[in-house]
Amino acid sequence: MPAQGKHRRPKSTSLGRGLAALTTGGAVLALPVIGATSAFAAPAPAAAPQAVAPAAVVAQANSAAKAAPAKHFVVAGETLSKIAREHSVSGGWEKLYEGNRKIVGSNPDLIHPGIKLVIGAKSAASSDGKSSKASPSAARGASADRADRSERIDAAPVAKAAPAAERAAVTYTNDLDGWIKESLAVMAEQGIPGTYEGIHRNIMRESSGNPAAINNWDSNAVKGTPSKGLLQVIDPTFQAYHVPGTSTDSYDPVANITAACNYAADRYGSIDNVFGAY
């Protein structure tokens, strides 16, 4: 039996393009033909570039985070200088004071425990258009006082003396009235209680207003420590309760009054509570 012929499938050419003859009324047209094996897949679309935040936006966000003001509650013994150093405030205590002047008050040397300070707050000048400079009385002596600020904050409240430069701006008369008023100014700055009436009443009983008065006949005199001055203070008491910044002479009127009031505050709560020998 004759073998049946096998049908073969013609192989496709490797050429990308071929010519096919198409006859139309005797005319031969050469047309390009796209080979099946010459087709190419369309390139895959490029991956979308990952969004990157502009550097300026990142920097702005970081700046905003750094600029956010912080809060600090004052504790006993702190000063604006100490707080500024702890928080690395640019511009020091002056800048910290400018931003918190409304809560601190006119004297940057007097800050009270419990008040809340804003670190990085805008100064009063930038917020309300007014100058944020300290009052003349608070600014006087600031440069000279800044150097020893750290030593003064460690002293007990009754042992600190107001800068002499600040008190020198006020003139007091050299008499009993002036001595009492100057002593009251020192006492107010050091937190020592007492009133004009309480001081005056005790002075008149003890010395009749004579700053050179001395008691040479009582038990203290017998022990070798006579009572001296306006409020009749013995030397051991004067030395123990002397307020730095006042004279070390127990006969000095202001030093005598201030030391005596400091002692009375410690023992009786105030010179106002003294109505007899003390």
C-alpha atoms as a PDB file:
ATOM      1  CA  MET A   1       0.000   0.000   0.000  1.00  0.00           C
ATOM      2  CA  PRO A   2       1.558   3.214  -0.973  1.00  0.00           C
ATOM      3  CA  ALA A   3       2.487   5.427   1.934  1.00  0.00           C
ATOM      4  CA  GLN A   4       0.329   8.438   2.453  1.00  0.00           C
ATOM      5  CA  GLY A   5       2.045  11.717   2.094  1.00  0.00           C
ATOM      6  CA  LYS A   6       2.686  13.688   5.298  1.00  0.00           C
ATOM      7  CA  HIS A   7       1.650  17.276   5.446  1.00  0.00           C
ATOM      8  CA  ARG A   8       4.419  19.516   6.614  1.00  0.00           C
ATOM      9  CA  ARG A   9       4.005  22.906   8.106  1.00  0.00           C
ATOM     10  CA  PRO A  10       6.324  25.353   6.476  1.00  0.00           C
ATOM     11  CA  LYS A  11       8.827  26.874   8.871  1.00  0.00           C
ATOM     12  CA  SER A  12       8.514  30.561   9.513  1.00  0.00           C
ATOM     13  CA  THR A  13      11.380  32.629   8.349  1.00  0.00           C
ATOM     14  CA  SER A  14      13.673  34.313  10.829  1.00  0.00           C
ATOM     15  CA  LEU A  15      13.477  37.522   8.886  1.00  0.00           C
ATOM     16  CA  GLY A  16      11.306  40.126  10.405  1.00  0.00           C
ATOM     17  CA  ARG A  17       9.942  41.251   7.157  1.00  0.00           C
ATOM     18  CA  GLY A  18       9.113  39.323   3.890  1.00  0.00           C
ATOM     19  CA  LEU A  19       7.504  40.071   0.655  1.00  0.00           C
ATOM     20  CA  ALA A  20       4.233  38.516  -0.484  1.00  0.00           C
ATOM     21  CA  ALA A  21       3.063  38.716  -4.043  1.00  0.00           C
ATOM     22  CA  LEU A  22      -0.497  39.717  -4.534  1.00  0.00           C
ATOM     23  CA  THR A  23      -1.864  39.688  -7.996  1.00  0.00           C
ATOM     24  CA  THR A  24      -4.700  41.920  -8.997  1.00  0.00           C
ATOM     25  CA  GLY A  25      -5.442  41.809 -12.641  1.00  0.00           C
ATOM     26  CA  GLY A  26      -1.940  40.860 -13.556  1.00  0.00           C
ATOM     27  CA  ALA A  27      -0.260  43.425 -11.465  1.00  0.00           C
ATOM     28  CA  VAL A  28       2.049  42.277  -8.798  1.00  0.00           C
ATOM     29  CA  LEU A  29       2.098  44.152  -5.555  1.00  0.00           C
ATOM     30  CA  ALA A  30       4.917  43.652  -3.125  1.00  0.00           C
ATOM     31  CA  LEU A  31       3.639  44.010   0.404  1.00  0.00           C
ATOM     32  CA  PRO A  32       5.668  43.705   3.607  1.00  0.00           C
ATOM     33  CA  VAL A  33       4.664  40.856   5.840  1.00  0.00           C
ATOM     34  CA  ILE A  34       5.368  40.724   9.582  1.00  0.00           C
ATOM     35  CA  GLY A  35       6.685  37.309  10.492  1.00  0.00           C
ATOM     36  CA  ALA A  36       5.048  35.551  13.363  1.00  0.00           C
ATOM     37  CA  THR A  37       8.332  35.015  15.094  1.00  0.00           C
ATOM     38  CA  SER A  38       9.450  38.591  14.620  1.00  0.00           C
ATOM     39  CA  ALA A  39       6.856  40.135  16.932  1.00  0.00           C
ATOM     40  CA  PHE A  40       8.308  41.811  20.099  1.00  0.00           C
ATOM     41  CA  ALA A  41       6.522  42.281  23.374  1.00  0.00           C
ATOM     42  CA  ALA A  42       5.821  45.854  24.365  1.00  0.00           C
ATOM     43  CA  PRO A  43       8.250  47.097  27.007  1.00  0.00           C
ATOM     44  CA  ALA A  44       6.913  46.990  30.575  1.00  0.00           C
ATOM     45  CA  PRO A  45       5.982  50.441  31.897  1.00  0.00           C
ATOM     46  CA  ALA A  46       8.688  51.983  34.043  1.00  0.00           C
ATOM     47  CA  ALA A  47       8.016  51.898  37.769  1.00  0.00           C
ATOM     48  CA  ALA A  48       6.700  55.159  39.087  1.00  0.00           C
ATOM     49  CA  PRO A  49       9.454  57.060  40.914  1.00  0.00           C
ATOM     50  CA  GLN A  50       9.115  56.937  44.702  1.00  0.00           C
ATOM     51  CA  ALA A  51       7.883  60.203  46.112  1.00  0.00           C
ATOM     52  CA  VAL A  52      10.565  61.968  48.083  1.00  0.00           C
ATOM     53  CA  ALA A  53       9.739  64.836  50.360  1.00  0.00           C
ATOM     54  CA  PRO A  54      11.674  67.955  49.372  1.00  0.00           C
ATOM     55  CA  ALA A  55      14.559  68.764  51.686  1.00  0.00           C
ATOM     56  CA  ALA A  56      13.058  72.150  52.377  1.00  0.00           C
ATOM     57  CA  VAL A  57       9.864  70.539  53.719  1.00  0.00           C
ATOM     58  CA  VAL A  58      11.839  68.214  56.005  1.00  0.00           C
ATOM     59  CA  ALA A  59      13.965  71.071  57.270  1.00  0.00           C
ATOM     60  CA  GLN A  60      10.880  73.138  57.917  1.00  0.00           C
ATOM     61  CA  ALA A  61       9.293  70.301  59.913  1.00  0.00           C
ATOM     62  CA  ASN A  62      12.452  69.843  61.983  1.00  0.00           C
ATOM     63  CA  SER A  63      12.650  73.559  62.641  1.00  0.00           C
ATOM     64  CA  ALA A  64       9.033  73.614  63.748  1.00  0.00           C
ATOM     65  CA  ALA A  65       9.671  70.760  66.164  1.00  0.00           C
ATOM     66  CA  LYS A  66      12.722  72.453  67.633  1.00  0.00           C
ATOM     67  CA  ALA A  67      10.920  75.787  67.896  1.00  0.00           C
ATOM     68  CA  ALA A  68       8.066  74.358  69.940  1.00  0.00           C
ATOM     69  CA  PRO A  69       8.280  76.100  73.348  1.00  0.00           C
ATOM     70  CA  ALA A  70       8.868  74.008  76.466  1.00  0.00           C
ATOM     71  CA  LYS A  71       7.560  74.666  79.989  1.00  0.00           C
ATOM     72  CA  HIS A  72       9.544  74.874  83.213  1.00  0.00           C
ATOM     73  CA  PHE A  73       8.102  75.137  86.732  1.00  0.00           C
ATOM     74  CA  VAL A  74      10.386  77.109  89.043  1.00  0.00           C
ATOM     75  CA  VAL A  75      11.560  75.424  92.242  1.00  0.00           C
ATOM     76  CA  ALA A  76      13.143  76.999  95.303  1.00  0.00           C
ATOM     77  CA  GLY A  77      16.748  78.132  94.791  1.00  0.00           C
ATOM     78  CA  GLU A  78      16.530  78.542  91.003  1.00  0.00           C
ATOM     79  CA  THR A  79      17.358  81.704  89.076  1.00  0.00           C
ATOM     80  CA  LEU A  80      16.764  82.730  85.468  1.00  0.00           C
ATOM     81  CA  SER A  81      20.493  82.321  84.830  1.00  0.00           C
ATOM     82  CA  LYS A  82      20.499  78.737  86.126  1.00  0.00           C
ATOM     83  CA  ILE A  83      17.363  77.794  84.185  1.00  0.00           C
ATOM     84  CA  ALA A  84      18.742  79.347  80.979  1.00  0.00           C
ATOM     85  CA  ARG A  85      21.933  77.291  81.334  1.00  0.00           C
ATOM     86  CA  GLU A  86      20.036  74.047  81.954  1.00  0.00           C
ATOM     87  CA  HIS A  87      17.864  74.554  78.851  1.00  0.00           C
ATOM     88  CA  SER A  88      20.705  76.021  76.707  1.00  0.00           C
ATOM     89  CA  VAL A  89      18.657  79.135  76.015  1.00  0.00           C
ATOM     90  CA  SER A  90      20.219  81.179  73.229  1.00  0.00           C
ATOM     91  CA  GLY A  91      20.705  84.669  74.610  1.00  0.00           C
ATOM     92  CA  GLY A  92      20.974  83.495  78.228  1.00  0.00           C
ATOM     93  CA  TRP A  93      18.840  84.673  81.129  1.00  0.00           C
ATOM     94  CA  GLU A  94      18.115  87.994  79.385  1.00  0.00           C
ATOM     95  CA  LYS A  95      16.325  86.205  76.530  1.00  0.00           C
ATOM     96  CA  LEU A  96      14.474  83.943  78.975  1.00  0.00           C
ATOM     97  CA  TYR A  97      13.365  87.005  80.957  1.00  0.00           C
ATOM     98  CA  GLU A  98      12.174  88.809  77.794  1.00  0.00           C
ATOM     99  CA  GLY A  99       9.864  85.938  76.958  1.00  0.00           C
ATOM    100  CA  ASN A 100       8.467  85.619  80.495  1.00  0.00           C
ATOM    101  CA  ARG A 101       8.492  89.181  81.779  1.00  0.00           C
ATOM    102  CA  LYS A 102       4.738  89.263  82.382  1.00  0.00           C
ATOM    103  CA  ILE A 103       4.877  86.329  84.796  1.00  0.00           C
ATOM    104  CA  VAL A 104       8.259  87.185  86.393  1.00  0.00           C
ATOM    105  CA  GLY A 105       7.580  90.872  86.943  1.00  0.00           C
ATOM    106  CA  SER A 106       9.840  93.906  86.793  1.00  0.00           C
ATOM    107  CA  ASN A 107      12.746  92.376  88.721  1.00  0.00           C
ATOM    108  CA  PRO A 108      14.434  89.381  87.010  1.00  0.00           C
ATOM    109  CA  ASP A 109      16.338  88.590  90.215  1.00  0.00           C
ATOM    110  CA  LEU A 110      13.116  87.674  92.031  1.00  0.00           C
ATOM    111  CA  ILE A 111      11.387  84.569  90.700  1.00  0.00           C
ATOM    112  CA  HIS A 112       8.978  82.662  92.902  1.00  0.00           C
ATOM    113  CA  PRO A 113       8.731  78.865  93.231  1.00  0.00           C
ATOM    114  CA  GLY A 114       5.743  77.414  91.396  1.00  0.00           C
ATOM    115  CA  ILE A 115       5.537  79.895  88.509  1.00  0.00           C
ATOM    116  CA  LYS A 116       5.562  78.436  85.006  1.00  0.00           C
ATOM    117  CA  LEU A 117       8.166  79.714  82.549  1.00  0.00           C
ATOM    118  CA  VAL A 118       7.976  79.152  78.800  1.00  0.00           C
ATOM    119  CA  ILE A 119      11.323  78.204  77.265  1.00  0.00           C
ATOM    120  CA  GLY A 120      11.565  79.641  73.761  1.00  0.00           C
ATOM    121  CA  ALA A 121       8.682  82.069  74.158  1.00  0.00           C
ATOM    122  CA  LYS A 122       8.682  85.229  72.079  1.00  0.00           C
ATOM    123  CA  SER A 123       9.765  88.373  73.839  1.00  0.00           C
ATOM    124  CA  ALA A 124       7.272  90.963  74.946  1.00  0.00           C
ATOM    125  CA  ALA A 125       8.558  93.301  72.218  1.00  0.00           C
ATOM    126  CA  SER A 126       7.666  90.838  69.435  1.00  0.00           C
ATOM    127  CA  SER A 127       4.242  89.972  70.880  1.00  0.00           C
ATOM    128  CA  ASP A 128       2.821  93.324  71.910  1.00  0.00           C
ATOM    129  CA  GLY A 129       5.167  95.841  70.333  1.00  0.00           C
ATOM    130  CA  LYS A 130       6.339  97.130  73.694  1.00  0.00           C
ATOM    131  CA  SER A 131       9.889  97.140  74.934  1.00  0.00           C
ATOM    132  CA  SER A 132      10.825  94.102  77.024  1.00  0.00           C
ATOM    133  CA  LYS A 133      13.732  95.728  78.813  1.00  0.00           C
ATOM    134  CA  ALA A 134      13.812  95.389  82.573  1.00  0.00           C
ATOM    135  CA  SER A 135      12.824  98.373  84.648  1.00  0.00           C
ATOM    136  CA  PRO A 136      15.669 100.745  85.570  1.00  0.00           C
ATOM    137  CA  SER A 137      15.638  99.570  89.191  1.00  0.00           C
ATOM    138  CA  ALA A 138      16.001  95.932  88.142  1.00  0.00           C
ATOM    139  CA  ALA A 139      18.627  96.666  85.492  1.00  0.00           C
ATOM    140  CA  ARG A 140      20.914  98.663  87.765  1.00  0.00           C
ATOM    141  CA  GLY A 141      23.852  96.633  88.877  1.00  0.00           C
ATOM    142  CA  ALA A 142      22.886  93.659  86.671  1.00  0.00           C
ATOM    143  CA  SER A 143      26.320  93.400  85.062  1.00  0.00           C
ATOM    144  CA  ALA A 144      28.179  93.514  88.370  1.00  0.00           C
ATOM    145  CA  ASP A 145      25.721  91.153  90.025  1.00  0.00           C
ATOM    146  CA  ARG A 146      25.740  88.505  87.284  1.00  0.00           C
ATOM    147  CA  ALA A 147      29.197  87.194  88.159  1.00  0.00           C
ATOM    148  CA  ASP A 148      28.288  86.146  91.691  1.00  0.00           C
ATOM    149  CA  ARG A 149      24.699  85.074  90.992  1.00  0.00           C
ATOM    150  CA  SER A 150      25.514  81.367  91.393  1.00  0.00           C
ATOM    151  CA  GLU A 151      27.040  81.909  94.835  1.00  0.00           C
ATOM    152  CA  ARG A 152      24.091  83.942  96.105  1.00  0.00           C
ATOM    153  CA  ILE A 153      21.413  81.443  95.119  1.00  0.00           C
ATOM    154  CA  ASP A 154      22.915  78.790  97.406  1.00  0.00           C
ATOM    155  CA  ALA A 155      22.603  80.984 100.510  1.00  0.00           C
ATOM    156  CA  ALA A 156      19.618  80.848 102.834  1.00  0.00           C
ATOM    157  CA  PRO A 157      16.925  83.441 102.042  1.00  0.00           C
ATOM    158  CA  VAL A 158      17.643  85.450 105.185  1.00  0.00           C
ATOM    159  CA  ALA A 159      21.384  85.450 104.497  1.00  0.00           C
ATOM    160  CA  LYS A 160      21.292  87.007 101.025  1.00  0.00           C
ATOM    161  CA  ALA A 161      21.873  90.735 100.665  1.00  0.00           C
ATOM    162  CA  ALA A 162      20.413  92.920  97.965  1.00  0.00           C
ATOM    163  CA  PRO A 163      23.019  94.410  95.627  1.00  0.00           C
ATOM    164  CA  ALA A 164      24.195  97.702  97.105  1.00  0.00           C
ATOM    165  CA  ALA A 165      23.993  99.331  93.671  1.00  0.00           C
ATOM    166  CA  GLU A 166      20.217  98.809  93.598  1.00  0.00           C
ATOM    167  CA  ARG A 167      19.621 100.249  97.078  1.00  0.00           C
ATOM    168  CA  ALA A 168      21.942 103.163  96.377  1.00  0.00           C
ATOM    169  CA  ALA A 169      19.403 104.504  93.880  1.00  0.00           C
ATOM    170  CA  VAL A 170      17.073 105.352  96.798  1.00  0.00           C
ATOM    171  CA  THR A 171      18.161 108.026  99.218  1.00  0.00           C
ATOM    172  CA  TYR A 172      17.274 107.595 102.897  1.00  0.00           C
ATOM    173  CA  THR A 173      17.488 110.257 105.549  1.00  0.00           C
ATOM    174  CA  ASN A 174      20.159 109.804 108.211  1.00  0.00           C
ATOM    175  CA  ASP A 175      17.736 109.580 111.096  1.00  0.00           C
ATOM    176  CA  LEU A 176      15.506 107.005 112.774  1.00  0.00           C
ATOM    177  CA  ASP A 177      12.859 107.240 110.051  1.00  0.00           C
ATOM    178  CA  GLY A 178      15.432 106.727 107.285  1.00  0.00           C
ATOM    179  CA  TRP A 179      17.185 103.852 109.117  1.00  0.00           C
ATOM    180  CA  ILE A 180      13.925 101.965 109.592  1.00  0.00           C
ATOM    181  CA  LYS A 181      12.874 102.475 105.958  1.00  0.00           C
ATOM    182  CA  GLU A 182      16.242 101.332 104.612  1.00  0.00           C
ATOM    183  CA  SER A 183      16.145  98.274 106.871  1.00  0.00           C
ATOM    184  CA  LEU A 184      12.641  97.446 105.654  1.00  0.00           C
ATOM    185  CA  ALA A 185      13.871  97.602 102.047  1.00  0.00           C
ATOM    186  CA  VAL A 186      16.637  95.092 102.814  1.00  0.00           C
ATOM    187  CA  MET A 187      14.224  92.886 104.750  1.00  0.00           C
ATOM    188  CA  ALA A 188      11.679  92.877 101.911  1.00  0.00           C
ATOM    189  CA  GLU A 189      14.301  91.686  99.456  1.00  0.00           C
ATOM    190  CA  GLN A 190      15.455  88.940 101.824  1.00  0.00           C
ATOM    191  CA  GLY A 191      12.020  87.763 102.926  1.00  0.00           C
ATOM    192  CA  ILE A 192      12.414  88.918 106.536  1.00  0.00           C
ATOM    193  CA  PRO A 193       9.013  89.912 107.967  1.00  0.00           C
ATOM    194  CA  GLY A 194       8.378  93.101 109.917  1.00  0.00           C
ATOM    195  CA  THR A 195       6.608  96.444 109.736  1.00  0.00           C
ATOM    196  CA  TYR A 196       7.593 100.028 110.386  1.00  0.00           C
ATOM    197  CA  GLU A 197       5.332 100.192 113.449  1.00  0.00           C
ATOM    198  CA  GLY A 198       6.713  96.975 114.943  1.00  0.00           C
ATOM    199  CA  ILE A 199      10.321  98.079 114.500  1.00  0.00           C
ATOM    200  CA  HIS A 200       9.713 101.608 115.764  1.00  0.00           C
ATOM    201  CA  ARG A 201       7.813 100.403 118.842  1.00  0.00           C
ATOM    202  CA  ASN A 202      10.633  98.051 119.890  1.00  0.00           C
ATOM    203  CA  ILE A 203      13.361 100.608 119.191  1.00  0.00           C
ATOM    204  CA  MET A 204      11.715 103.182 121.427  1.00  0.00           C
ATOM    205  CA  ARG A 205      11.438 100.640 124.238  1.00  0.00           C
ATOM    206  CA  GLU A 206      15.004  99.322 123.898  1.00  0.00           C
ATOM    207  CA  SER A 207      17.074 102.446 123.133  1.00  0.00           C
ATOM    208  CA  SER A 208      14.762 105.456 122.754  1.00  0.00           C
ATOM    209  CA  GLY A 209      16.147 105.812 119.209  1.00  0.00           C
ATOM    210  CA  ASN A 210      19.819 106.170 120.239  1.00  0.00           C
ATOM    211  CA  PRO A 211      22.031 104.051 117.876  1.00  0.00           C
ATOM    212  CA  ALA A 212      24.973 104.330 120.334  1.00  0.00           C
ATOM    213  CA  ALA A 213      23.018 102.964 123.298  1.00  0.00           C
ATOM    214  CA  ILE A 214      24.695 100.199 125.335  1.00  0.00           C
ATOM    215  CA  ASN A 215      23.550  98.260 128.378  1.00  0.00           C
ATOM    216  CA  ASN A 216      26.418  97.768 130.830  1.00  0.00           C
ATOM    217  CA  TRP A 217      24.471  96.528 133.847  1.00  0.00           C
ATOM    218  CA  ASP A 218      22.269  93.526 132.930  1.00  0.00           C
ATOM    219  CA  SER A 219      23.133  89.804 132.890  1.00  0.00           C
ATOM    220  CA  ASN A 220      24.451  90.013 129.338  1.00  0.00           C
ATOM    221  CA  ALA A 221      26.845  92.758 130.348  1.00  0.00           C
ATOM    222  CA  VAL A 222      28.041  90.655 133.287  1.00  0.00           C
ATOM    223  CA  LYS A 223      28.876  87.882 130.803  1.00  0.00           C
ATOM    224  CA  GLY A 224      30.880  90.344 128.722  1.00  0.00           C
ATOM    225  CA  THR A 225      28.361  90.679 125.902  1.00  0.00           C
ATOM    226  CA  PRO A 226      26.437  93.899 126.543  1.00  0.00           C
ATOM    227  CA  SER A 227      23.393  94.758 124.452  1.00  0.00           C
ATOM    228  CA  LYS A 228      24.137  97.427 121.832  1.00  0.00           C
ATOM    229  CA  GLY A 229      22.467  99.718 119.345  1.00  0.00           C
ATOM    230  CA  LEU A 230      18.922 100.649 118.452  1.00  0.00           C
ATOM    231  CA  LEU A 231      17.451  97.216 119.213  1.00  0.00           C
ATOM    232  CA  GLN A 232      19.983  96.259 121.911  1.00  0.00           C
ATOM    233  CA  VAL A 233      21.539  93.225 120.195  1.00  0.00           C
ATOM    234  CA  ILE A 234      24.417  91.343 121.839  1.00  0.00           C
ATOM    235  CA  ASP A 235      27.446  90.541 119.660  1.00  0.00           C
ATOM    236  CA  PRO A 236      26.869  86.750 119.386  1.00  0.00           C
ATOM    237  CA  THR A 237      23.299  87.318 118.188  1.00  0.00           C
ATOM    238  CA  PHE A 238      24.375  90.054 115.790  1.00  0.00           C
ATOM    239  CA  GLN A 239      27.040  87.831 114.237  1.00  0.00           C
ATOM    240  CA  ALA A 240      24.688  84.850 113.930  1.00  0.00           C
ATOM    241  CA  TYR A 241      21.881  86.850 112.295  1.00  0.00           C
ATOM    242  CA  HIS A 242      23.880  89.504 110.455  1.00  0.00           C
ATOM    243  CA  VAL A 243      22.635  89.997 106.879  1.00  0.00           C
ATOM    244  CA  PRO A 244      25.470  90.188 104.304  1.00  0.00           C
ATOM    245  CA  GLY A 245      25.553  93.485 102.482  1.00  0.00           C
ATOM    246  CA  THR A 246      24.938  95.503 105.629  1.00  0.00           C
ATOM    247  CA  SER A 247      27.653  96.819 107.916  1.00  0.00           C
ATOM    248  CA  THR A 248      29.485  94.420 110.230  1.00  0.00           C
ATOM    249  CA  ASP A 249      29.428  97.103 112.957  1.00  0.00           C
ATOM    250  CA  SER A 250      26.687  96.205 115.433  1.00  0.00           C
ATOM    251  CA  TYR A 251      26.230  99.919 116.204  1.00  0.00           C
ATOM    252  CA  ASP A 252      25.363 100.657 112.558  1.00  0.00           C
ATOM    253  CA  PRO A 253      21.617 101.514 112.647  1.00  0.00           C
ATOM    254  CA  VAL A 254      20.591  99.611 109.508  1.00  0.00           C
ATOM    255  CA  ALA A 255      22.748  96.565 110.276  1.00  0.00           C
ATOM    256  CA  ASN A 256      21.491  96.512 113.895  1.00  0.00           C
ATOM    257  CA  ILE A 257      17.822  96.717 112.932  1.00  0.00           C
ATOM    258  CA  THR A 258      18.122  94.114 110.162  1.00  0.00           C
ATOM    259  CA  ALA A 259      20.002  91.602 112.300  1.00  0.00           C
ATOM    260  CA  ALA A 260      17.574  92.050 115.195  1.00  0.00           C
ATOM    261  CA  CYS A 261      14.557  91.571 112.897  1.00  0.00           C
ATOM    262  CA  ASN A 262      16.194  88.498 111.375  1.00  0.00           C
ATOM    263  CA  TYR A 263      16.644  87.055 114.885  1.00  0.00           C
ATOM    264  CA  ALA A 264      13.077  87.979 115.915  1.00  0.00           C
ATOM    265  CA  ALA A 265      11.699  86.324 112.751  1.00  0.00           C
ATOM    266  CA  ASP A 266      13.571  83.126 113.565  1.00  0.00           C
ATOM    267  CA  ARG A 267      12.463  83.005 117.203  1.00  0.00           C
ATOM    268  CA  TYR A 268       9.086  84.788 117.291  1.00  0.00           C
ATOM    269  CA  GLY A 269       7.932  84.810 113.662  1.00  0.00           C
ATOM    270  CA  SER A 270       8.358  88.579 113.312  1.00  0.00           C
ATOM    271  CA  ILE A 271       9.594  91.654 115.143  1.00  0.00           C
ATOM    272  CA  ASP A 272       5.912  92.639 115.215  1.00  0.00           C
ATOM    273  CA  ASN A 273       5.325  89.839 117.734  1.00  0.00           C
ATOM    274  CA  VAL A 274       7.859  91.242 120.210  1.00  0.00           C
ATOM    275  CA  PHE A 275       6.404  93.369 123.034  1.00  0.00           C
ATOM    276  CA  GLY A 276       9.080  93.051 125.676  1.00  0.00           C
ATOM    277  CA  ALA A 277      12.574  91.807 126.363  1.00  0.00           C
ATOM    278  CA  TYR A 278      13.607  89.362 123.702  1.00  0.00           C
END
